[in-house]
Amino acid sequence: MTHLSMSPYSVVTFDEWVADGRIMVRQPRSPVDWLQPGENAAIALAVEADYWLLIDDANAYHRAKHFGIRVVGTPDFVILLYDQSFITKDEAQKALNAMRVSRKLRRQALSLLESLSRRKEE
């Protein structure tokens, strides 16, 4: 099982992943001008390459979804990583509890994590 570093804002990890090819940094060919520069670039790249967009800003999330872009938030992504056994339940709980998201969204994600955990134990 691969364990991901859960330390927030790890520049070292990002640089390592760029260096070993796990992350590719590129600019979109056709930028959009909807929101902030980083969100605009992420949305444009998602459209150009038919990527899923991982974004948490509510305005960007809903605008991208409105235009038919496949969007996922960080809590959903953490649940996916747990479900596919890339991280442990404990790592998922720690990540979800450390996120700056609404209480409702955190409760929903933790509830889903518990359900998946019970299913995995069967």
C-alpha atoms as a PDB file:
ATOM      1  CA  MET A   1       0.000   0.000   0.000  1.00  0.00           C
ATOM      2  CA  THR A   2       1.270   3.460  -0.880  1.00  0.00           C
ATOM      3  CA  HIS A   3       1.010   6.014   1.920  1.00  0.00           C
ATOM      4  CA  LEU A   4       0.710   9.635   0.961  1.00  0.00           C
ATOM      5  CA  SER A   5       2.316  12.387   2.947  1.00  0.00           C
ATOM      6  CA  MET A   6      -0.447  14.122   4.845  1.00  0.00           C
ATOM      7  CA  SER A   7       1.594  17.136   5.905  1.00  0.00           C
ATOM      8  CA  PRO A   8      -0.202  20.180   4.520  1.00  0.00           C
ATOM      9  CA  TYR A   9       1.473  22.457   1.988  1.00  0.00           C
ATOM     10  CA  SER A  10       4.522  20.276   1.507  1.00  0.00           C
ATOM     11  CA  VAL A  11       6.625  22.126  -1.043  1.00  0.00           C
ATOM     12  CA  VAL A  12       9.326  19.465  -0.792  1.00  0.00           C
ATOM     13  CA  THR A  13       6.874  16.697  -1.703  1.00  0.00           C
ATOM     14  CA  PHE A  14       5.499  18.753  -4.607  1.00  0.00           C
ATOM     15  CA  ASP A  15       9.003  19.423  -5.958  1.00  0.00           C
ATOM     16  CA  GLU A  16       9.889  15.733  -5.629  1.00  0.00           C
ATOM     17  CA  TRP A  17       6.736  14.699  -7.492  1.00  0.00           C
ATOM     18  CA  VAL A  18       7.468  17.180 -10.283  1.00  0.00           C
ATOM     19  CA  ALA A  19      11.052  15.896 -10.512  1.00  0.00           C
ATOM     20  CA  ASP A  20      10.052  12.235 -10.738  1.00  0.00           C
ATOM     21  CA  GLY A  21       7.205  12.854 -13.191  1.00  0.00           C
ATOM     22  CA  ARG A  22       4.210  12.197 -10.936  1.00  0.00           C
ATOM     23  CA  ILE A  23       3.124  15.794 -11.459  1.00  0.00           C
ATOM     24  CA  MET A  24       3.450  17.705 -14.706  1.00  0.00           C
ATOM     25  CA  VAL A  25       3.359  21.498 -14.596  1.00  0.00           C
ATOM     26  CA  ARG A  26       1.983  23.161 -17.703  1.00  0.00           C
ATOM     27  CA  GLN A  27       0.019  26.177 -18.807  1.00  0.00           C
ATOM     28  CA  PRO A  28      -3.299  25.888 -20.652  1.00  0.00           C
ATOM     29  CA  ARG A  29      -3.367  26.679 -24.355  1.00  0.00           C
ATOM     30  CA  SER A  30      -6.751  28.434 -24.081  1.00  0.00           C
ATOM     31  CA  PRO A  31      -7.087  30.097 -20.687  1.00  0.00           C
ATOM     32  CA  VAL A  32     -10.430  31.107 -19.227  1.00  0.00           C
ATOM     33  CA  ASP A  33     -11.016  34.348 -17.340  1.00  0.00           C
ATOM     34  CA  TRP A  34     -13.719  33.425 -14.837  1.00  0.00           C
ATOM     35  CA  LEU A  35     -12.077  33.508 -11.423  1.00  0.00           C
ATOM     36  CA  GLN A  36      -8.592  33.742  -9.881  1.00  0.00           C
ATOM     37  CA  PRO A  37      -5.553  32.848 -12.067  1.00  0.00           C
ATOM     38  CA  GLY A  38      -4.889  29.424 -10.484  1.00  0.00           C
ATOM     39  CA  GLU A  39      -8.522  28.373 -10.686  1.00  0.00           C
ATOM     40  CA  ASN A  40      -8.749  29.636 -14.271  1.00  0.00           C
ATOM     41  CA  ALA A  41      -5.677  27.598 -15.264  1.00  0.00           C
ATOM     42  CA  ALA A  42      -6.972  24.446 -13.535  1.00  0.00           C
ATOM     43  CA  ILE A  43     -10.365  24.771 -15.224  1.00  0.00           C
ATOM     44  CA  ALA A  44      -8.826  25.409 -18.653  1.00  0.00           C
ATOM     45  CA  LEU A  45      -6.530  22.383 -18.327  1.00  0.00           C
ATOM     46  CA  ALA A  46      -9.452  20.199 -17.227  1.00  0.00           C
ATOM     47  CA  VAL A  47     -11.363  21.246 -20.353  1.00  0.00           C
ATOM     48  CA  GLU A  48      -8.385  20.843 -22.722  1.00  0.00           C
ATOM     49  CA  ALA A  49      -7.317  17.417 -21.500  1.00  0.00           C
ATOM     50  CA  ASP A  50     -10.723  16.115 -20.358  1.00  0.00           C
ATOM     51  CA  TYR A  51      -9.366  15.831 -16.797  1.00  0.00           C
ATOM     52  CA  TRP A  52     -11.328  15.631 -13.603  1.00  0.00           C
ATOM     53  CA  LEU A  53     -10.995  18.930 -11.732  1.00  0.00           C
ATOM     54  CA  LEU A  54      -9.994  18.720  -8.066  1.00  0.00           C
ATOM     55  CA  ILE A  55     -11.035  22.045  -6.541  1.00  0.00           C
ATOM     56  CA  ASP A  56     -12.560  23.203  -3.270  1.00  0.00           C
ATOM     57  CA  ASP A  57     -13.514  26.818  -3.887  1.00  0.00           C
ATOM     58  CA  ALA A  58     -17.324  26.813  -4.011  1.00  0.00           C
ATOM     59  CA  ASN A  59     -17.604  29.412  -6.792  1.00  0.00           C
ATOM     60  CA  ALA A  60     -15.065  27.642  -8.988  1.00  0.00           C
ATOM     61  CA  TYR A  61     -16.580  24.234  -8.200  1.00  0.00           C
ATOM     62  CA  HIS A  62     -20.107  25.276  -9.199  1.00  0.00           C
ATOM     63  CA  ARG A  63     -19.047  27.297 -12.229  1.00  0.00           C
ATOM     64  CA  ALA A  64     -16.982  24.383 -13.583  1.00  0.00           C
ATOM     65  CA  LYS A  65     -19.815  21.942 -12.914  1.00  0.00           C
ATOM     66  CA  HIS A  66     -22.257  24.281 -14.696  1.00  0.00           C
ATOM     67  CA  PHE A  67     -20.068  24.099 -17.800  1.00  0.00           C
ATOM     68  CA  GLY A  68     -20.020  20.293 -17.737  1.00  0.00           C
ATOM     69  CA  ILE A  69     -16.570  19.786 -16.252  1.00  0.00           C
ATOM     70  CA  ARG A  70     -16.226  16.716 -14.028  1.00  0.00           C
ATOM     71  CA  VAL A  71     -15.460  18.143 -10.594  1.00  0.00           C
ATOM     72  CA  VAL A  72     -14.466  16.585  -7.277  1.00  0.00           C
ATOM     73  CA  GLY A  73     -13.674  18.206  -3.939  1.00  0.00           C
ATOM     74  CA  THR A  74     -10.836  17.242  -1.624  1.00  0.00           C
ATOM     75  CA  PRO A  75     -13.060  15.363   0.875  1.00  0.00           C
ATOM     76  CA  ASP A  76     -14.375  13.187  -1.969  1.00  0.00           C
ATOM     77  CA  PHE A  77     -10.835  12.583  -3.176  1.00  0.00           C
ATOM     78  CA  VAL A  78      -9.712  11.476   0.293  1.00  0.00           C
ATOM     79  CA  ILE A  79     -12.625   9.016   0.400  1.00  0.00           C
ATOM     80  CA  LEU A  80     -11.611   7.684  -3.018  1.00  0.00           C
ATOM     81  CA  LEU A  81      -8.008   7.218  -1.856  1.00  0.00           C
ATOM     82  CA  TYR A  82      -9.235   5.258   1.166  1.00  0.00           C
ATOM     83  CA  ASP A  83     -11.695   3.187  -0.868  1.00  0.00           C
ATOM     84  CA  GLN A  84      -8.921   2.204  -3.264  1.00  0.00           C
ATOM     85  CA  SER A  85      -6.540   1.410  -0.361  1.00  0.00           C
ATOM     86  CA  PHE A  86      -4.007   4.146  -1.089  1.00  0.00           C
ATOM     87  CA  ILE A  87      -4.411   5.465   2.466  1.00  0.00           C
ATOM     88  CA  THR A  88      -5.601   3.942   5.724  1.00  0.00           C
ATOM     89  CA  LYS A  89      -8.808   4.810   7.537  1.00  0.00           C
ATOM     90  CA  ASP A  90      -6.763   6.649  10.177  1.00  0.00           C
ATOM     91  CA  GLU A  91      -4.973   8.701   7.511  1.00  0.00           C
ATOM     92  CA  ALA A  92      -8.299   9.535   5.867  1.00  0.00           C
ATOM     93  CA  GLN A  93      -9.828  10.615   9.192  1.00  0.00           C
ATOM     94  CA  LYS A  94      -6.825  12.810   9.972  1.00  0.00           C
ATOM     95  CA  ALA A  95      -6.943  14.395   6.534  1.00  0.00           C
ATOM     96  CA  LEU A  96     -10.689  15.046   6.722  1.00  0.00           C
ATOM     97  CA  ASN A  97     -10.449  16.494  10.230  1.00  0.00           C
ATOM     98  CA  ALA A  98      -7.599  18.808   9.174  1.00  0.00           C
ATOM     99  CA  MET A  99      -9.488  20.248   6.193  1.00  0.00           C
ATOM    100  CA  ARG A 100     -11.046  23.656   6.213  1.00  0.00           C
ATOM    101  CA  VAL A 101     -14.500  22.632   5.031  1.00  0.00           C
ATOM    102  CA  SER A 102     -17.976  23.111   6.431  1.00  0.00           C
ATOM    103  CA  ARG A 103     -19.033  20.970   9.385  1.00  0.00           C
ATOM    104  CA  LYS A 104     -21.798  19.488   7.259  1.00  0.00           C
ATOM    105  CA  LEU A 105     -19.388  18.439   4.516  1.00  0.00           C
ATOM    106  CA  ARG A 106     -16.932  17.018   7.074  1.00  0.00           C
ATOM    107  CA  ARG A 107     -19.719  15.027   8.793  1.00  0.00           C
ATOM    108  CA  GLN A 108     -20.896  13.646   5.455  1.00  0.00           C
ATOM    109  CA  ALA A 109     -17.380  12.604   4.466  1.00  0.00           C
ATOM    110  CA  LEU A 110     -16.666  11.005   7.861  1.00  0.00           C
ATOM    111  CA  SER A 111     -19.995   9.176   7.712  1.00  0.00           C
ATOM    112  CA  LEU A 112     -19.158   7.835   4.252  1.00  0.00           C
ATOM    113  CA  LEU A 113     -15.719   6.819   5.511  1.00  0.00           C
ATOM    114  CA  GLU A 114     -17.342   4.820   8.340  1.00  0.00           C
ATOM    115  CA  SER A 115     -19.720   3.121   5.900  1.00  0.00           C
ATOM    116  CA  LEU A 116     -16.864   2.165   3.597  1.00  0.00           C
ATOM    117  CA  SER A 117     -14.831   0.946   6.553  1.00  0.00           C
ATOM    118  CA  ARG A 118     -17.648  -1.358   7.672  1.00  0.00           C
ATOM    119  CA  ARG A 119     -18.049  -2.654   4.122  1.00  0.00           C
ATOM    120  CA  LYS A 120     -14.318  -3.365   3.797  1.00  0.00           C
ATOM    121  CA  GLU A 121     -14.345  -5.392   7.016  1.00  0.00           C
ATOM    122  CA  GLU A 122     -16.997  -7.751   5.618  1.00  0.00           C
END
